[in-house]
Amino acid sequence: MPSKMELLDLQFIDARHMLINLAAFMDRIDRHSGDEDYRYTSLKTALPILLESRPDRAKAVLESFSDKSSGLPLSAPFQGASGAAFPSSDR
């Protein structure tokens, strides 16, 4: 099993790149006018999980995007996953 230092040596640049890419995405969204979308809200809600000291951050982030409602929507706005839960007012 690699040490923390070995993991940092191997993966730090990639993790840094992903974080900068996310920051740039958020900057682009914030520069544009319009109402905030539920997907962007869900993304911002998941971010504090990254700073928590816990062994299941990836699972917790994934679950934060899950739709926890028990009812079925009357119709789907499109086919496929959206990556975030719809707000209950959209159902």
Protein backbone atom coordinates (compact mmCIF):
# COMPACT_ATOMS: atom_id res chain seq x y z
CA MET A 1 0.00 0.00 0.00
CA PRO A 2 1.49 3.39 -0.97
CA SER A 3 2.19 6.00 1.66
CA LYS A 4 0.46 9.39 1.78
CA MET A 5 3.59 10.98 0.32
CA GLU A 6 3.65 8.48 -2.56
CA LEU A 7 -0.04 9.14 -3.28
CA LEU A 8 0.60 12.88 -3.23
CA ASP A 9 3.55 12.45 -5.56
CA LEU A 10 1.43 10.40 -7.97
CA GLN A 11 -1.91 12.23 -7.87
CA PHE A 12 -1.49 15.79 -6.59
CA ILE A 13 -1.17 17.45 -10.01
CA ASP A 14 -4.30 15.67 -11.29
CA ALA A 15 -6.31 16.60 -8.17
CA ARG A 16 -5.06 20.19 -8.41
CA HIS A 17 -6.13 20.31 -12.07
CA MET A 18 -9.64 19.04 -11.25
CA LEU A 19 -10.05 21.61 -8.48
CA ILE A 20 -8.91 24.50 -10.69
CA ASN A 21 -11.20 23.25 -13.47
CA LEU A 22 -14.15 23.22 -11.06
CA ALA A 23 -13.30 26.75 -9.88
CA ALA A 24 -13.16 27.96 -13.49
CA PHE A 25 -16.54 26.34 -14.21
CA MET A 26 -18.08 28.06 -11.20
CA ASP A 27 -16.54 31.39 -12.27
CA ARG A 28 -18.14 31.01 -15.71
CA ILE A 29 -21.54 30.23 -14.20
CA ASP A 30 -21.33 33.18 -11.79
CA ARG A 31 -20.43 35.63 -14.60
CA HIS A 32 -23.71 34.96 -16.41
CA SER A 33 -27.14 36.29 -15.57
CA GLY A 34 -30.21 34.22 -14.87
CA ASP A 35 -31.71 32.16 -12.10
CA GLU A 36 -29.58 29.64 -10.27
CA ASP A 37 -30.23 26.10 -11.47
CA TYR A 38 -30.84 23.20 -9.07
CA ARG A 39 -27.76 21.44 -10.47
CA TYR A 40 -25.47 24.32 -9.54
CA THR A 41 -27.10 24.54 -6.11
CA SER A 42 -26.54 20.79 -5.64
CA LEU A 43 -22.91 21.17 -6.65
CA LYS A 44 -22.34 23.94 -4.11
CA THR A 45 -24.10 21.89 -1.43
CA ALA A 46 -21.70 18.98 -2.05
CA LEU A 47 -18.51 21.04 -1.82
CA PRO A 48 -18.30 21.31 2.01
CA ILE A 49 -18.22 17.50 2.19
CA LEU A 50 -14.75 17.62 0.61
CA LEU A 51 -13.42 19.48 3.66
CA GLU A 52 -14.80 16.99 6.17
CA SER A 53 -12.35 14.52 7.67
CA ARG A 54 -14.16 11.27 6.89
CA PRO A 55 -13.28 8.07 5.05
CA ASP A 56 -16.36 8.08 2.80
CA ARG A 57 -16.25 11.51 1.13
CA ALA A 58 -16.80 10.14 -2.39
CA LYS A 59 -19.87 8.20 -1.24
CA ALA A 60 -21.21 11.21 0.67
CA VAL A 61 -20.77 13.52 -2.34
CA LEU A 62 -22.50 11.00 -4.60
CA GLU A 63 -25.36 10.63 -2.12
CA SER A 64 -25.72 14.42 -1.87
CA PHE A 65 -26.71 14.38 -5.56
CA SER A 66 -29.26 11.60 -5.06
CA ASP A 67 -32.97 12.27 -5.26
CA LYS A 68 -34.34 11.20 -1.89
CA SER A 69 -38.00 11.81 -2.71
CA SER A 70 -40.27 8.79 -2.63
CA GLY A 71 -42.82 9.90 -5.22
CA LEU A 72 -42.56 9.36 -8.94
CA PRO A 73 -42.58 12.35 -11.29
CA LEU A 74 -45.59 12.63 -13.57
CA SER A 75 -43.27 12.98 -16.55
CA ALA A 76 -39.57 13.16 -17.22
CA PRO A 77 -38.28 16.42 -18.75
CA PHE A 78 -35.72 14.41 -20.77
CA GLN A 79 -34.25 10.94 -20.98
CA GLY A 80 -31.22 10.21 -18.82
CA ALA A 81 -29.74 11.30 -15.54
CA SER A 82 -29.23 14.93 -14.66
CA GLY A 83 -26.61 14.40 -11.95
CA ALA A 84 -28.58 16.10 -9.21
CA ALA A 85 -31.91 15.80 -7.48
CA PHE A 86 -34.79 17.82 -8.84
CA PRO A 87 -36.21 20.26 -6.31
CA SER A 88 -39.56 19.01 -5.04
CA SER A 89 -41.33 22.01 -6.60
CA ASP A 90 -40.38 20.71 -10.08
CA ARG A 91 -42.34 17.49 -9.64
